[in-house]
Structure formats: C-alpha cells, structure tokens
Amino acid sequence: MTLERKYKRGLGRVYVDSETGDEYPSVTTIINATLAKGPFLAKWQDKIREESFVKRFEAFCEHLPENVREYVDRPTVYAIYKQSLGAPNAYRDAKGDTGTYIHSMIETYLQPVNKVKPLSYYLENDPRAEKVLTNFKTWMAKTGLTPVKVEHYLCSPTHGYAGTVDLVAKQKIKGGSKQLVLVDFKTGSMQKDQLLQLAAYALAYEELYFVRLAVAYFLKIDVDAGSVGEQMHMYYDDLSYLFEHYIRTLELWKWRVDSKNEWRSW
C-alpha cells in the first residue's frame, strides 16, 4: 500500500491509496471535527483576546498626553478591541508554523536522506532551534532510543482512517529491554482528546505490521525554553481502551459526513 496525503474540500485532510484509489480521512481531522473543544478553548480564547486588547490599548495610549487618556472615545476603544478579535487565530497559526518548523527539523535530523532543506537551514533561521535539537539529542541518548520509522504514514483499512506518526522506535522501557514505542511530538498545548490520536496510530500500526507497540506517548517540546520531555505514557491495555472510544468518535464523524451529504440532496 502506497499512501498520498491530500486535502479534500468538505472532508479536510485525507490519505489516498495510489494503487486502489481508496480514501481515508486523517485521525486529526476526525478528532478535531467531531469532539467539542469545550470550556478550555473558550477560556483560552478569552485570555488571548484580553491580553491582545490590553497590549494594543496601552500602545495606543502611550502616544497620548496623560491628561487626554480619559477622553478617549468608546468608538476608538471598540475599534482597537475589534482588531484583537482575530488574536486567537493569529496566535494559533503562529504556533502551528513554529510546530511544523520544529517537526521538520527533528525529522531531518532523524532521517536526513532526500530532504528538501538541510539541517543547517533550521538551525540558522531560528535561534531557538539549536537548543531544542541539543536537548532532543540528549533525550535520545538517555533513553537509548533507536528510530524505526520517521514521519510514517499509517492506515487502517479495517476501520477506514489514516494518519502520520512522528516516530516509531525501539526504546528501553522502565530500565528493561528495548521495546517498540510510538512517539508523537507536541509543541503546543495538549488535551485529553489527543490521547485518542495515540490509540488510533498504535492500533493502525499493529494492523499493518502485526506487531504490538509496548507504549505510546507524547514528546512535549517547549520551543521557547528548548526543553524536551515525555508525557502521558499509554501502555497497550490503555491504548486498547482508548481505541474503543476512538472508534465511537470515528463512527460519529462518518454519520456527520453522511448527514451533510443527505441534507445537500434535499
């Protein structure tokens, strides 16, 4: 099976089997489109809006005499606030760009063959990159990690989904022998829903290669601090349990997609 990643209108990111033409929605598309983000996202957006508004308003007032500030009219203040409404999306996009950049750098380090850009490109164009890479190398040496697959496309023909796993490797577990692990890099905030992503990848890997993963976890990368650390370890029994919930999420996503098609035909 050879998979190609594409974007399809109405579905988002999909993976296409170049041999059969079969399409598989991506794991992240399914989770993001189906599960509500809840009060956490709303609070985060309000916080970003408030911080952005205060920053813009203070910058505006700095150019005014002290005795004039109290006479700033409300329409002007509202116009400043309106500019801030897009702050959460701008913040998200900036973080997303940074995350993609760091992902690409680590992928290039782990698998430098046939890359469009050399490792030096990433180190030269972001002053934070060198510290991240140094700590990533230290983490690899400490854990005795040996990469098996890097930025690898996975697919579950049985359940009808696909995705890209950042890293599958052999690693010492709890000081014992090396076992197969799945690692997903995260440069942004993490939520409980993302554990379903680990389960979906792990079970797809087992379906394709007939091998069980001992554990799956997130590698949290703080780009500004340069720190690297493992979080949210899920062992096989945990992954099997989470996979049941992922399948329910997948079925709900399929129902929503089918329902949209039905409504369009009415």
Protein backbone atom coordinates (compact mmCIF):
# COMPACT_ATOMS: atom_id res chain seq x y z
CA MET A 1 0.00 0.00 0.00
CA THR A 2 1.29 3.44 -1.01
CA LEU A 3 -0.43 6.42 0.61
CA GLU A 4 -0.50 10.02 -0.58
CA ARG A 5 -1.64 12.84 1.68
CA LYS A 6 -4.08 15.33 0.17
CA TYR A 7 -6.66 17.94 1.15
CA LYS A 8 -10.22 17.37 0.03
CA ARG A 9 -12.90 20.01 0.27
CA GLY A 10 -15.61 19.06 2.71
CA LEU A 11 -13.50 16.34 4.31
CA GLY A 12 -10.22 18.01 5.20
CA ARG A 13 -7.01 16.01 5.11
CA VAL A 14 -7.29 12.58 3.54
CA TYR A 15 -4.86 9.82 2.59
CA VAL A 16 -5.31 8.18 -0.79
CA ASP A 17 -4.12 4.68 -1.66
CA SER A 18 -2.42 5.28 -5.01
CA GLU A 19 -2.98 1.64 -6.01
CA THR A 20 -6.72 1.37 -5.31
CA GLY A 21 -7.85 4.99 -5.11
CA ASP A 22 -9.39 4.37 -1.68
CA GLU A 23 -9.60 7.47 0.53
CA TYR A 24 -9.06 7.51 4.27
CA PRO A 25 -9.77 10.53 6.49
CA SER A 26 -6.96 11.59 8.79
CA VAL A 27 -7.06 10.87 12.51
CA THR A 28 -6.61 14.53 13.44
CA THR A 29 -9.37 15.63 11.07
CA ILE A 30 -11.77 13.12 12.63
CA ILE A 31 -10.97 14.14 16.21
CA ASN A 32 -10.92 17.91 15.60
CA ALA A 33 -14.14 17.91 13.60
CA THR A 34 -16.07 15.66 15.97
CA LEU A 35 -15.12 16.43 19.54
CA ALA A 36 -16.15 19.77 21.00
CA LYS A 37 -13.28 21.76 22.41
CA GLY A 38 -15.33 22.69 25.47
CA PRO A 39 -14.79 25.48 28.03
CA PHE A 40 -11.00 25.10 27.92
CA LEU A 41 -10.80 26.56 24.42
CA ALA A 42 -13.29 29.33 25.20
CA LYS A 43 -11.31 30.39 28.27
CA TRP A 44 -8.09 30.27 26.29
CA GLN A 45 -9.58 32.43 23.52
CA ASP A 46 -10.88 34.97 26.04
CA LYS A 47 -7.47 35.13 27.67
CA ILE A 48 -5.70 35.72 24.36
CA ARG A 49 -8.25 38.36 23.35
CA GLU A 50 -7.92 40.17 26.67
CA GLU A 51 -4.13 40.16 26.59
CA SER A 52 -4.07 41.36 22.99
CA PHE A 53 -6.57 44.14 23.71
CA VAL A 54 -4.66 45.43 26.74
CA LYS A 55 -1.41 45.41 24.78
CA ARG A 56 -2.90 47.32 21.83
CA PHE A 57 -4.76 49.77 24.05
CA GLU A 58 -1.70 50.59 26.14
CA ALA A 59 0.37 51.11 22.99
CA PHE A 60 -2.31 53.50 21.70
CA CYS A 61 -2.43 55.47 24.94
CA GLU A 62 1.34 55.84 25.09
CA HIS A 63 1.11 58.30 22.21
CA LEU A 64 -1.40 60.50 24.04
CA PRO A 65 -0.77 63.13 26.71
CA GLU A 66 -1.57 61.89 30.22
CA ASN A 67 -4.49 64.30 30.66
CA VAL A 68 -6.03 63.22 27.36
CA ARG A 69 -6.29 59.49 28.02
CA GLU A 70 -9.52 59.79 29.99
CA TYR A 71 -11.20 61.42 27.00
CA VAL A 72 -10.55 58.54 24.62
CA ASP A 73 -13.93 57.91 22.99
CA ARG A 74 -15.60 54.50 23.05
CA PRO A 75 -15.73 54.01 19.25
CA THR A 76 -11.96 54.31 19.17
CA VAL A 77 -11.57 51.83 22.00
CA TYR A 78 -14.01 49.47 20.28
CA ALA A 79 -12.07 49.70 17.03
CA ILE A 80 -8.92 48.68 18.89
CA TYR A 81 -10.73 45.78 20.53
CA LYS A 82 -12.16 44.68 17.19
CA GLN A 83 -8.62 44.35 15.87
CA SER A 84 -7.92 41.98 18.74
CA LEU A 85 -10.74 39.57 17.92
CA GLY A 86 -8.52 37.73 15.48
CA ALA A 87 -5.74 37.30 18.04
CA PRO A 88 -6.56 33.65 18.96
CA ASN A 89 -6.42 32.57 15.32
CA ALA A 90 -3.24 34.54 14.69
CA TYR A 91 -1.67 33.04 17.82
CA ARG A 92 -2.74 29.53 16.78
CA ASP A 93 -1.35 29.96 13.26
CA ALA A 94 1.96 31.29 14.57
CA LYS A 95 2.28 28.38 16.99
CA GLY A 96 1.30 25.98 14.20
CA ASP A 97 4.02 27.36 11.94
CA THR A 98 6.57 27.00 14.74
CA GLY A 99 5.42 23.45 15.43
CA THR A 100 5.74 22.49 11.77
CA TYR A 101 9.21 24.05 11.65
CA ILE A 102 10.45 22.11 14.70
CA HIS A 103 8.81 18.88 13.46
CA SER A 104 10.62 19.26 10.14
CA MET A 105 13.94 19.95 11.84
CA ILE A 106 13.74 16.84 14.03
CA GLU A 107 12.55 14.73 11.11
CA THR A 108 15.53 15.93 9.07
CA TYR A 109 17.90 15.09 11.92
CA LEU A 110 16.46 11.59 12.31
CA GLN A 111 16.19 10.88 8.60
CA PRO A 112 18.37 13.29 6.58
CA VAL A 113 18.18 11.43 3.25
CA ASN A 114 16.29 13.14 0.38
CA LYS A 115 15.23 16.19 2.41
CA VAL A 116 14.47 19.43 0.58
CA LYS A 117 16.24 21.50 3.24
CA PRO A 118 19.40 20.54 5.16
CA LEU A 119 19.55 20.54 8.95
CA SER A 120 21.67 23.70 8.87
CA TYR A 121 18.72 25.61 7.39
CA TYR A 122 16.62 25.10 10.53
CA LEU A 123 19.48 25.89 12.89
CA GLU A 124 20.37 29.10 11.08
CA ASN A 125 16.85 30.51 10.69
CA ASP A 126 15.52 30.18 14.24
CA PRO A 127 17.75 30.93 17.26
CA ARG A 128 15.67 28.57 19.41
CA ALA A 129 16.25 25.56 17.17
CA GLU A 130 19.77 24.68 18.32
CA LYS A 131 18.79 24.34 21.98
CA VAL A 132 15.76 22.21 21.09
CA LEU A 133 17.89 19.92 18.94
CA THR A 134 20.61 19.65 21.60
CA ASN A 135 18.09 18.60 24.24
CA PHE A 136 16.42 16.23 21.79
CA LYS A 137 19.77 14.52 21.19
CA THR A 138 20.33 14.30 24.95
CA TRP A 139 16.91 12.72 25.42
CA MET A 140 17.64 10.17 22.68
CA ALA A 141 20.96 9.22 24.25
CA LYS A 142 19.46 8.94 27.73
CA THR A 143 16.61 6.68 26.61
CA GLY A 144 18.73 4.61 24.23
CA LEU A 145 16.15 5.25 21.55
CA THR A 146 16.67 3.74 18.09
CA PRO A 147 14.40 5.08 15.30
CA VAL A 148 12.50 2.51 13.25
CA LYS A 149 10.12 4.72 11.25
CA VAL A 150 10.11 8.52 10.98
CA GLU A 151 7.16 10.66 9.77
CA HIS A 152 5.46 7.48 8.65
CA TYR A 153 2.03 7.18 7.02
CA LEU A 154 -0.29 4.66 8.69
CA CYS A 155 -3.64 3.33 7.60
CA SER A 156 -6.36 1.07 8.99
CA PRO A 157 -8.26 -0.44 6.04
CA THR A 158 -10.44 -2.30 8.54
CA HIS A 159 -11.77 0.84 10.21
CA GLY A 160 -11.20 3.34 7.41
CA TYR A 161 -8.80 6.00 8.68
CA ALA A 162 -5.18 7.05 8.26
CA GLY A 163 -2.58 9.37 9.73
CA THR A 164 1.08 10.27 10.09
CA VAL A 165 3.04 9.10 13.09
CA ASP A 166 6.06 11.21 14.02
CA LEU A 167 8.24 8.39 15.28
CA VAL A 168 8.21 4.65 15.91
CA ALA A 169 11.32 3.46 17.72
CA LYS A 170 12.89 0.89 19.98
CA GLN A 171 13.41 2.17 23.49
CA LYS A 172 14.24 0.81 26.92
CA ILE A 173 11.06 0.63 28.99
CA LYS A 174 11.38 1.11 32.75
CA GLY A 175 15.07 0.26 32.62
CA GLY A 176 14.42 -3.09 30.93
CA SER A 177 14.99 -4.34 27.40
CA LYS A 178 14.23 -2.32 24.29
CA GLN A 179 10.64 -2.47 23.09
CA LEU A 180 8.69 -0.86 20.28
CA VAL A 181 7.22 2.55 21.15
CA LEU A 182 5.25 5.22 19.31
CA VAL A 183 6.11 8.88 19.88
CA ASP A 184 4.04 11.90 18.86
CA PHE A 185 5.78 15.30 19.02
CA LYS A 186 3.80 18.16 20.58
CA THR A 187 4.95 21.78 20.58
CA GLY A 188 1.62 23.27 21.67
CA SER A 189 -0.83 22.67 24.50
CA MET A 190 -2.14 19.15 24.98
CA GLN A 191 -5.67 17.99 25.70
CA LYS A 192 -7.16 14.71 26.81
CA ASP A 193 -8.81 14.18 23.41
CA GLN A 194 -5.38 13.80 21.84
CA LEU A 195 -4.87 10.50 23.64
CA LEU A 196 -7.31 9.05 21.09
CA GLN A 197 -4.77 10.01 18.45
CA LEU A 198 -2.13 7.82 20.09
CA ALA A 199 -4.53 4.89 20.25
CA ALA A 200 -5.57 5.24 16.61
CA TYR A 201 -1.94 5.30 15.43
CA ALA A 202 -0.90 2.40 17.65
CA LEU A 203 -3.70 0.08 16.53
CA ALA A 204 -3.23 1.03 12.86
CA TYR A 205 0.45 0.13 13.20
CA GLU A 206 -0.48 -3.23 14.69
CA GLU A 207 -2.96 -3.89 11.88
CA LEU A 208 -0.40 -3.10 9.17
CA TYR A 209 2.68 -4.79 10.64
CA PHE A 210 1.23 -7.42 13.01
CA VAL A 211 3.33 -6.02 15.84
CA ARG A 212 2.10 -4.66 19.16
CA LEU A 213 3.52 -1.43 20.48
CA ALA A 214 4.54 -1.58 24.13
CA VAL A 215 3.75 2.06 24.82
CA ALA A 216 2.79 5.30 23.09
CA TYR A 217 3.39 8.78 24.45
CA PHE A 218 3.77 12.45 23.63
CA LEU A 219 7.14 14.13 23.49
CA LYS A 220 6.47 17.65 24.72
CA ILE A 221 8.79 20.18 23.09
CA ASP A 222 8.80 23.67 24.59
CA VAL A 223 10.29 25.70 21.77
CA ASP A 224 10.91 28.88 23.77
CA ALA A 225 12.53 27.06 26.71
CA GLY A 226 14.19 24.47 24.49
CA SER A 227 13.08 21.66 26.81
CA VAL A 228 12.11 18.14 25.74
CA GLY A 229 10.23 15.63 27.90
CA GLU A 230 7.97 12.60 27.74
CA GLN A 231 4.33 12.94 28.81
CA MET A 232 1.16 10.83 29.04
CA HIS A 233 2.53 7.31 28.65
CA MET A 234 -0.14 4.90 27.43
CA TYR A 235 0.60 1.18 27.64
CA TYR A 236 -1.07 -1.45 25.47
CA ASP A 237 -4.11 -2.02 27.71
CA ASP A 238 -4.62 1.75 27.94
CA LEU A 239 -4.38 2.08 24.17
CA SER A 240 -6.90 -0.71 23.60
CA TYR A 241 -9.35 1.02 25.94
CA LEU A 242 -8.84 4.40 24.27
CA PHE A 243 -9.21 2.83 20.84
CA GLU A 244 -12.78 1.82 21.68
CA HIS A 245 -13.56 5.49 22.29
CA TYR A 246 -11.76 6.50 19.12
CA ILE A 247 -13.92 4.11 17.09
CA ARG A 248 -17.04 5.75 18.54
CA THR A 249 -15.61 9.13 17.53
CA LEU A 250 -14.92 7.79 14.04
CA GLU A 251 -18.47 6.47 13.68
CA LEU A 252 -19.89 9.83 14.77
CA TRP A 253 -17.68 11.60 12.22
CA LYS A 254 -18.88 9.28 9.45
CA TRP A 255 -22.50 9.90 10.45
CA ARG A 256 -21.98 13.67 10.30
CA VAL A 257 -20.35 13.47 6.88
CA ASP A 258 -23.14 11.23 5.57
CA SER A 259 -25.77 13.52 7.09
CA LYS A 260 -24.29 16.56 5.34
CA ASN A 261 -24.49 14.75 2.01
CA GLU A 262 -28.10 13.80 2.69
CA TRP A 263 -29.05 17.38 3.56
CA ARG A 264 -27.49 18.67 0.36
CA SER A 265 -29.70 16.32 -1.65
CA TRP A 266 -32.94 17.51 -0.03
